[in-house]
All heavy atoms as atom14 arrays in JSON, in Angstrom:
{
  "sequence": "GLVFTGLSLACAALAWIGFACGVPAHDCGAQSWLFG",
  "atom14_mask": [
    [1, 1, 1, 1, 0, 0, 0, 0, 0, 0, 0, 0, 0, 0],
    [1, 1, 1, 1, 1, 1, 1, 1, 0, 0, 0, 0, 0, 0],
    [1, 1, 1, 1, 1, 1, 1, 0, 0, 0, 0, 0, 0, 0],
    [1, 1, 1, 1, 1, 1, 1, 1, 1, 1, 1, 0, 0, 0],
    [1, 1, 1, 1, 1, 1, 1, 0, 0, 0, 0, 0, 0, 0],
    [1, 1, 1, 1, 0, 0, 0, 0, 0, 0, 0, 0, 0, 0],
    [1, 1, 1, 1, 1, 1, 1, 1, 0, 0, 0, 0, 0, 0],
    [1, 1, 1, 1, 1, 1, 0, 0, 0, 0, 0, 0, 0, 0],
    [1, 1, 1, 1, 1, 1, 1, 1, 0, 0, 0, 0, 0, 0],
    [1, 1, 1, 1, 1, 0, 0, 0, 0, 0, 0, 0, 0, 0],
    [1, 1, 1, 1, 1, 1, 0, 0, 0, 0, 0, 0, 0, 0],
    [1, 1, 1, 1, 1, 0, 0, 0, 0, 0, 0, 0, 0, 0],
    [1, 1, 1, 1, 1, 0, 0, 0, 0, 0, 0, 0, 0, 0],
    [1, 1, 1, 1, 1, 1, 1, 1, 0, 0, 0, 0, 0, 0],
    [1, 1, 1, 1, 1, 0, 0, 0, 0, 0, 0, 0, 0, 0],
    [1, 1, 1, 1, 1, 1, 1, 1, 1, 1, 1, 1, 1, 1],
    [1, 1, 1, 1, 1, 1, 1, 1, 0, 0, 0, 0, 0, 0],
    [1, 1, 1, 1, 0, 0, 0, 0, 0, 0, 0, 0, 0, 0],
    [1, 1, 1, 1, 1, 1, 1, 1, 1, 1, 1, 0, 0, 0],
    [1, 1, 1, 1, 1, 0, 0, 0, 0, 0, 0, 0, 0, 0],
    [1, 1, 1, 1, 1, 1, 0, 0, 0, 0, 0, 0, 0, 0],
    [1, 1, 1, 1, 0, 0, 0, 0, 0, 0, 0, 0, 0, 0],
    [1, 1, 1, 1, 1, 1, 1, 0, 0, 0, 0, 0, 0, 0],
    [1, 1, 1, 1, 1, 1, 1, 0, 0, 0, 0, 0, 0, 0],
    [1, 1, 1, 1, 1, 0, 0, 0, 0, 0, 0, 0, 0, 0],
    [1, 1, 1, 1, 1, 1, 1, 1, 1, 1, 0, 0, 0, 0],
    [1, 1, 1, 1, 1, 1, 1, 1, 0, 0, 0, 0, 0, 0],
    [1, 1, 1, 1, 1, 1, 0, 0, 0, 0, 0, 0, 0, 0],
    [1, 1, 1, 1, 0, 0, 0, 0, 0, 0, 0, 0, 0, 0],
    [1, 1, 1, 1, 1, 0, 0, 0, 0, 0, 0, 0, 0, 0],
    [1, 1, 1, 1, 1, 1, 1, 1, 1, 0, 0, 0, 0, 0],
    [1, 1, 1, 1, 1, 1, 0, 0, 0, 0, 0, 0, 0, 0],
    [1, 1, 1, 1, 1, 1, 1, 1, 1, 1, 1, 1, 1, 1],
    [1, 1, 1, 1, 1, 1, 1, 1, 0, 0, 0, 0, 0, 0],
    [1, 1, 1, 1, 1, 1, 1, 1, 1, 1, 1, 0, 0, 0],
    [1, 1, 1, 1, 0, 0, 0, 0, 0, 0, 0, 0, 0, 0]
  ],
  "atom14_positions": [
    [[85.71, 83.37, 56.84], [85.37, 84.78, 56.71], [84.77, 85.33, 57.99], [85.07, 86.47, 58.39], [0.0, 0.0, 0.0], [0.0, 0.0, 0.0], [0.0, 0.0, 0.0], [0.0, 0.0, 0.0], [0.0, 0.0, 0.0], [0.0, 0.0, 0.0], [0.0, 0.0, 0.0], [0.0, 0.0, 0.0], [0.0, 0.0, 0.0], [0.0, 0.0, 0.0]],
    [[83.95, 84.54, 58.65], [83.37, 84.96, 59.92], [84.44, 85.1, 61.0], [84.4, 86.03, 61.81], [82.3, 83.96, 60.35], [81.34, 84.38, 61.44], [80.55, 85.6, 61.0], [80.42, 83.24, 61.78], [0.0, 0.0, 0.0], [0.0, 0.0, 0.0], [0.0, 0.0, 0.0], [0.0, 0.0, 0.0], [0.0, 0.0, 0.0], [0.0, 0.0, 0.0]],
    [[85.42, 84.22, 60.99], [86.53, 84.31, 61.96], [87.33, 85.59, 61.74], [87.62, 86.32, 62.69], [87.43, 83.05, 61.86], [88.76, 83.28, 62.55], [86.73, 81.84, 62.42], [0.0, 0.0, 0.0], [0.0, 0.0, 0.0], [0.0, 0.0, 0.0], [0.0, 0.0, 0.0], [0.0, 0.0, 0.0], [0.0, 0.0, 0.0], [0.0, 0.0, 0.0]],
    [[87.68, 85.87, 60.49], [88.47, 87.06, 60.21], [87.68, 88.36, 60.43], [88.23, 89.35, 60.9], [89.04, 87.02, 58.8], [90.27, 86.17, 58.69], [90.21, 84.93, 58.08], [91.47, 86.61, 59.2], [91.34, 84.14, 57.98], [92.6, 85.84, 59.11], [92.54, 84.59, 58.5], [0.0, 0.0, 0.0], [0.0, 0.0, 0.0], [0.0, 0.0, 0.0]],
    [[86.4, 88.34, 60.14], [85.57, 89.51, 60.39], [85.42, 89.74, 61.9], [85.48, 90.88, 62.37], [84.19, 89.34, 59.73], [84.37, 89.04, 58.37], [83.37, 90.6, 59.84], [0.0, 0.0, 0.0], [0.0, 0.0, 0.0], [0.0, 0.0, 0.0], [0.0, 0.0, 0.0], [0.0, 0.0, 0.0], [0.0, 0.0, 0.0], [0.0, 0.0, 0.0]],
    [[85.23, 88.68, 62.65], [85.15, 88.8, 64.11], [86.47, 89.24, 64.72], [86.49, 90.04, 65.68], [0.0, 0.0, 0.0], [0.0, 0.0, 0.0], [0.0, 0.0, 0.0], [0.0, 0.0, 0.0], [0.0, 0.0, 0.0], [0.0, 0.0, 0.0], [0.0, 0.0, 0.0], [0.0, 0.0, 0.0], [0.0, 0.0, 0.0], [0.0, 0.0, 0.0]],
    [[87.58, 88.75, 64.17], [88.89, 89.18, 64.65], [89.12, 90.66, 64.37], [89.64, 91.39, 65.22], [89.98, 88.33, 63.99], [91.41, 88.6, 64.41], [91.62, 88.26, 65.86], [92.35, 87.81, 63.52], [0.0, 0.0, 0.0], [0.0, 0.0, 0.0], [0.0, 0.0, 0.0], [0.0, 0.0, 0.0], [0.0, 0.0, 0.0], [0.0, 0.0, 0.0]],
    [[88.71, 91.1, 63.21], [88.83, 92.51, 62.87], [87.95, 93.37, 63.78], [88.37, 94.45, 64.22], [88.45, 92.72, 61.41], [88.56, 94.06, 61.06], [0.0, 0.0, 0.0], [0.0, 0.0, 0.0], [0.0, 0.0, 0.0], [0.0, 0.0, 0.0], [0.0, 0.0, 0.0], [0.0, 0.0, 0.0], [0.0, 0.0, 0.0], [0.0, 0.0, 0.0]],
    [[86.77, 92.9, 64.1], [85.89, 93.62, 65.03], [86.51, 93.7, 66.42], [86.49, 94.76, 67.06], [84.52, 92.94, 65.09], [83.55, 93.46, 66.15], [83.19, 94.9, 65.89], [82.32, 92.58, 66.19], [0.0, 0.0, 0.0], [0.0, 0.0, 0.0], [0.0, 0.0, 0.0], [0.0, 0.0, 0.0], [0.0, 0.0, 0.0], [0.0, 0.0, 0.0]],
    [[87.07, 92.61, 66.89], [87.68, 92.61, 68.23], [88.88, 93.56, 68.28], [89.05, 94.3, 69.25], [88.09, 91.19, 68.61], [0.0, 0.0, 0.0], [0.0, 0.0, 0.0], [0.0, 0.0, 0.0], [0.0, 0.0, 0.0], [0.0, 0.0, 0.0], [0.0, 0.0, 0.0], [0.0, 0.0, 0.0], [0.0, 0.0, 0.0], [0.0, 0.0, 0.0]],
    [[89.7, 93.54, 67.25], [90.87, 94.43, 67.21], [90.45, 95.89, 67.12], [91.05, 96.76, 67.75], [91.78, 94.06, 66.05], [92.62, 92.49, 66.25], [0.0, 0.0, 0.0], [0.0, 0.0, 0.0], [0.0, 0.0, 0.0], [0.0, 0.0, 0.0], [0.0, 0.0, 0.0], [0.0, 0.0, 0.0], [0.0, 0.0, 0.0], [0.0, 0.0, 0.0]],
    [[89.41, 96.18, 66.35], [88.93, 97.55, 66.23], [88.34, 98.03, 67.57], [88.53, 99.19, 67.96], [87.88, 97.65, 65.13], [0.0, 0.0, 0.0], [0.0, 0.0, 0.0], [0.0, 0.0, 0.0], [0.0, 0.0, 0.0], [0.0, 0.0, 0.0], [0.0, 0.0, 0.0], [0.0, 0.0, 0.0], [0.0, 0.0, 0.0], [0.0, 0.0, 0.0]],
    [[87.64, 97.15, 68.26], [87.09, 97.53, 69.56], [88.22, 97.77, 70.57], [88.15, 98.72, 71.37], [86.15, 96.44, 70.07], [0.0, 0.0, 0.0], [0.0, 0.0, 0.0], [0.0, 0.0, 0.0], [0.0, 0.0, 0.0], [0.0, 0.0, 0.0], [0.0, 0.0, 0.0], [0.0, 0.0, 0.0], [0.0, 0.0, 0.0], [0.0, 0.0, 0.0]],
    [[89.26, 96.96, 70.54], [90.39, 97.17, 71.44], [91.15, 98.46, 71.1], [91.66, 99.13, 71.99], [91.32, 95.97, 71.41], [90.83, 94.76, 72.2], [91.7, 93.55, 71.91], [90.8, 95.07, 73.68], [0.0, 0.0, 0.0], [0.0, 0.0, 0.0], [0.0, 0.0, 0.0], [0.0, 0.0, 0.0], [0.0, 0.0, 0.0], [0.0, 0.0, 0.0]],
    [[91.21, 98.79, 69.81], [91.84, 100.06, 69.43], [91.04, 101.24, 69.97], [91.61, 102.22, 70.45], [91.95, 100.15, 67.91], [0.0, 0.0, 0.0], [0.0, 0.0, 0.0], [0.0, 0.0, 0.0], [0.0, 0.0, 0.0], [0.0, 0.0, 0.0], [0.0, 0.0, 0.0], [0.0, 0.0, 0.0], [0.0, 0.0, 0.0], [0.0, 0.0, 0.0]],
    [[89.73, 101.15, 69.92], [88.88, 102.21, 70.44], [89.0, 102.32, 71.96], [89.09, 103.42, 72.52], [87.44, 101.96, 70.03], [86.47, 102.96, 70.56], [86.65, 104.3, 70.7], [85.16, 102.7, 71.05], [85.53, 104.9, 71.21], [84.59, 103.93, 71.44], [84.4, 101.55, 71.16], [83.31, 104.03, 71.95], [83.12, 101.65, 71.66], [82.59, 102.88, 72.06]],
    [[89.04, 101.19, 72.64], [89.19, 101.19, 74.09], [90.54, 101.79, 74.47], [90.64, 102.57, 75.42], [89.01, 99.76, 74.65], [87.56, 99.32, 74.51], [89.44, 99.68, 76.11], [87.32, 97.86, 74.8], [0.0, 0.0, 0.0], [0.0, 0.0, 0.0], [0.0, 0.0, 0.0], [0.0, 0.0, 0.0], [0.0, 0.0, 0.0], [0.0, 0.0, 0.0]],
    [[91.57, 101.44, 73.74], [92.88, 102.01, 74.0], [92.91, 103.51, 73.8], [93.54, 104.24, 74.57], [0.0, 0.0, 0.0], [0.0, 0.0, 0.0], [0.0, 0.0, 0.0], [0.0, 0.0, 0.0], [0.0, 0.0, 0.0], [0.0, 0.0, 0.0], [0.0, 0.0, 0.0], [0.0, 0.0, 0.0], [0.0, 0.0, 0.0], [0.0, 0.0, 0.0]],
    [[92.23, 103.97, 72.77], [92.16, 105.42, 72.53], [91.36, 106.11, 73.63], [91.74, 107.18, 74.1], [91.52, 105.7, 71.16], [91.38, 107.16, 70.87], [92.47, 107.89, 70.43], [90.17, 107.8, 71.04], [92.35, 109.25, 70.17], [90.03, 109.14, 70.78], [91.13, 109.88, 70.34], [0.0, 0.0, 0.0], [0.0, 0.0, 0.0], [0.0, 0.0, 0.0]],
    [[90.26, 105.49, 74.05], [89.43, 106.1, 75.09], [90.14, 106.13, 76.44], [89.9, 107.03, 77.24], [88.11, 105.34, 75.2], [0.0, 0.0, 0.0], [0.0, 0.0, 0.0], [0.0, 0.0, 0.0], [0.0, 0.0, 0.0], [0.0, 0.0, 0.0], [0.0, 0.0, 0.0], [0.0, 0.0, 0.0], [0.0, 0.0, 0.0], [0.0, 0.0, 0.0]],
    [[91.0, 105.15, 76.69], [91.75, 105.11, 77.96], [92.96, 106.03, 77.93], [93.61, 106.19, 78.96], [92.18, 103.69, 78.27], [90.82, 102.62, 78.73], [0.0, 0.0, 0.0], [0.0, 0.0, 0.0], [0.0, 0.0, 0.0], [0.0, 0.0, 0.0], [0.0, 0.0, 0.0], [0.0, 0.0, 0.0], [0.0, 0.0, 0.0], [0.0, 0.0, 0.0]],
    [[93.27, 106.6, 76.8], [94.38, 107.53, 76.72], [95.73, 106.9, 76.5], [96.75, 107.52, 76.79], [0.0, 0.0, 0.0], [0.0, 0.0, 0.0], [0.0, 0.0, 0.0], [0.0, 0.0, 0.0], [0.0, 0.0, 0.0], [0.0, 0.0, 0.0], [0.0, 0.0, 0.0], [0.0, 0.0, 0.0], [0.0, 0.0, 0.0], [0.0, 0.0, 0.0]],
    [[95.75, 105.68, 75.99], [97.03, 105.03, 75.69], [97.61, 105.73, 74.47], [96.95, 105.81, 73.42], [96.84, 103.52, 75.43], [98.14, 102.88, 75.03], [96.26, 102.85, 76.66], [0.0, 0.0, 0.0], [0.0, 0.0, 0.0], [0.0, 0.0, 0.0], [0.0, 0.0, 0.0], [0.0, 0.0, 0.0], [0.0, 0.0, 0.0], [0.0, 0.0, 0.0]],
    [[98.82, 106.25, 74.56], [99.37, 107.0, 73.42], [99.69, 106.1, 72.24], [100.11, 104.95, 72.4], [100.65, 107.62, 73.98], [101.02, 106.75, 75.12], [99.74, 106.22, 75.69], [0.0, 0.0, 0.0], [0.0, 0.0, 0.0], [0.0, 0.0, 0.0], [0.0, 0.0, 0.0], [0.0, 0.0, 0.0], [0.0, 0.0, 0.0], [0.0, 0.0, 0.0]],
    [[99.43, 106.62, 71.04], [99.78, 105.89, 69.83], [101.29, 105.93, 69.66], [101.91, 106.98, 69.76], [99.09, 106.51, 68.62], [0.0, 0.0, 0.0], [0.0, 0.0, 0.0], [0.0, 0.0, 0.0], [0.0, 0.0, 0.0], [0.0, 0.0, 0.0], [0.0, 0.0, 0.0], [0.0, 0.0, 0.0], [0.0, 0.0, 0.0], [0.0, 0.0, 0.0]],
    [[101.87, 104.79, 69.41], [103.32, 104.71, 69.3], [103.71, 104.4, 67.86], [102.9, 103.97, 67.06], [103.86, 103.66, 70.25], [103.22, 102.32, 70.07], [101.93, 102.06, 70.47], [103.67, 101.19, 69.5], [101.62, 100.81, 70.16], [102.65, 100.26, 69.58], [0.0, 0.0, 0.0], [0.0, 0.0, 0.0], [0.0, 0.0, 0.0], [0.0, 0.0, 0.0]],
    [[104.94, 104.65, 67.54], [105.42, 104.47, 66.17], [106.18, 103.17, 65.98], [107.08, 103.09, 65.15], [106.33, 105.65, 65.79], [105.54, 106.94, 65.67], [104.35, 106.86, 65.39], [106.14, 108.0, 65.86], [0.0, 0.0, 0.0], [0.0, 0.0, 0.0], [0.0, 0.0, 0.0], [0.0, 0.0, 0.0], [0.0, 0.0, 0.0], [0.0, 0.0, 0.0]],
    [[105.86, 102.14, 66.74], [106.57, 100.88, 66.58], [105.83, 99.93, 65.65], [106.28, 98.82, 65.43], [106.81, 100.22, 67.93], [105.31, 99.58, 68.7], [0.0, 0.0, 0.0], [0.0, 0.0, 0.0], [0.0, 0.0, 0.0], [0.0, 0.0, 0.0], [0.0, 0.0, 0.0], [0.0, 0.0, 0.0], [0.0, 0.0, 0.0], [0.0, 0.0, 0.0]],
    [[104.71, 100.35, 65.09], [103.95, 99.49, 64.22], [104.52, 99.44, 62.81], [105.58, 99.98, 62.5], [0.0, 0.0, 0.0], [0.0, 0.0, 0.0], [0.0, 0.0, 0.0], [0.0, 0.0, 0.0], [0.0, 0.0, 0.0], [0.0, 0.0, 0.0], [0.0, 0.0, 0.0], [0.0, 0.0, 0.0], [0.0, 0.0, 0.0], [0.0, 0.0, 0.0]],
    [[103.78, 98.8, 61.94], [104.24, 98.62, 60.57], [104.13, 99.91, 59.75], [104.78, 100.04, 58.72], [103.42, 97.52, 59.9], [0.0, 0.0, 0.0], [0.0, 0.0, 0.0], [0.0, 0.0, 0.0], [0.0, 0.0, 0.0], [0.0, 0.0, 0.0], [0.0, 0.0, 0.0], [0.0, 0.0, 0.0], [0.0, 0.0, 0.0], [0.0, 0.0, 0.0]],
    [[103.32, 100.86, 60.2], [103.16, 102.1, 59.44], [104.46, 102.89, 59.36], [104.82, 103.4, 58.31], [102.08, 102.98, 60.07], [100.7, 102.43, 59.94], [99.7, 103.4, 60.49], [99.7, 104.56, 60.1], [98.85, 102.94, 61.38], [0.0, 0.0, 0.0], [0.0, 0.0, 0.0], [0.0, 0.0, 0.0], [0.0, 0.0, 0.0], [0.0, 0.0, 0.0]],
    [[105.13, 103.02, 60.48], [106.38, 103.78, 60.47], [107.45, 103.06, 59.67], [108.32, 103.69, 59.06], [106.86, 104.04, 61.89], [107.09, 102.8, 62.55], [0.0, 0.0, 0.0], [0.0, 0.0, 0.0], [0.0, 0.0, 0.0], [0.0, 0.0, 0.0], [0.0, 0.0, 0.0], [0.0, 0.0, 0.0], [0.0, 0.0, 0.0], [0.0, 0.0, 0.0]],
    [[107.4, 101.74, 59.65], [108.37, 100.97, 58.86], [108.06, 101.06, 57.36], [108.96, 101.19, 56.54], [108.34, 99.52, 59.33], [109.29, 98.65, 58.61], [110.65, 98.67, 58.69], [108.96, 97.63, 57.67], [111.18, 97.72, 57.87], [110.16, 97.06, 57.22], [107.77, 97.13, 57.17], [110.2, 96.03, 56.31], [107.81, 96.1, 56.26], [109.02, 95.57, 55.83]],
    [[106.78, 101.02, 56.99], [106.4, 101.05, 55.58], [106.4, 102.46, 55.0], [106.91, 102.68, 53.9], [105.01, 100.44, 55.39], [104.89, 98.93, 55.5], [103.44, 98.52, 55.44], [105.68, 98.26, 54.4], [0.0, 0.0, 0.0], [0.0, 0.0, 0.0], [0.0, 0.0, 0.0], [0.0, 0.0, 0.0], [0.0, 0.0, 0.0], [0.0, 0.0, 0.0]],
    [[105.79, 103.41, 55.71], [105.57, 104.74, 55.16], [106.49, 105.81, 55.73], [106.56, 106.9, 55.19], [104.12, 105.17, 55.39], [103.11, 104.18, 54.91], [102.22, 103.6, 55.8], [103.04, 103.81, 53.59], [101.28, 102.69, 55.38], [102.11, 102.89, 53.15], [101.23, 102.33, 54.05], [0.0, 0.0, 0.0], [0.0, 0.0, 0.0], [0.0, 0.0, 0.0]],
    [[107.15, 105.53, 56.82], [108.0, 106.52, 57.45], [107.26, 107.45, 58.4], [107.86, 108.26, 59.08], [0.0, 0.0, 0.0], [0.0, 0.0, 0.0], [0.0, 0.0, 0.0], [0.0, 0.0, 0.0], [0.0, 0.0, 0.0], [0.0, 0.0, 0.0], [0.0, 0.0, 0.0], [0.0, 0.0, 0.0], [0.0, 0.0, 0.0], [0.0, 0.0, 0.0]]
  ]
}
C-alpha cells in the first residue's frame, strides 16, 4: 500500500510539473479510448 500510494504521489507530482511547464495535454491516453 505504501508503494502504490508513493507511486500515485510521484505520478501526481509529475502531472503537476508537466502542467506548470506548459506541456499540452494530449488525447493518446486511456480516457479518449474509454470515454471518447
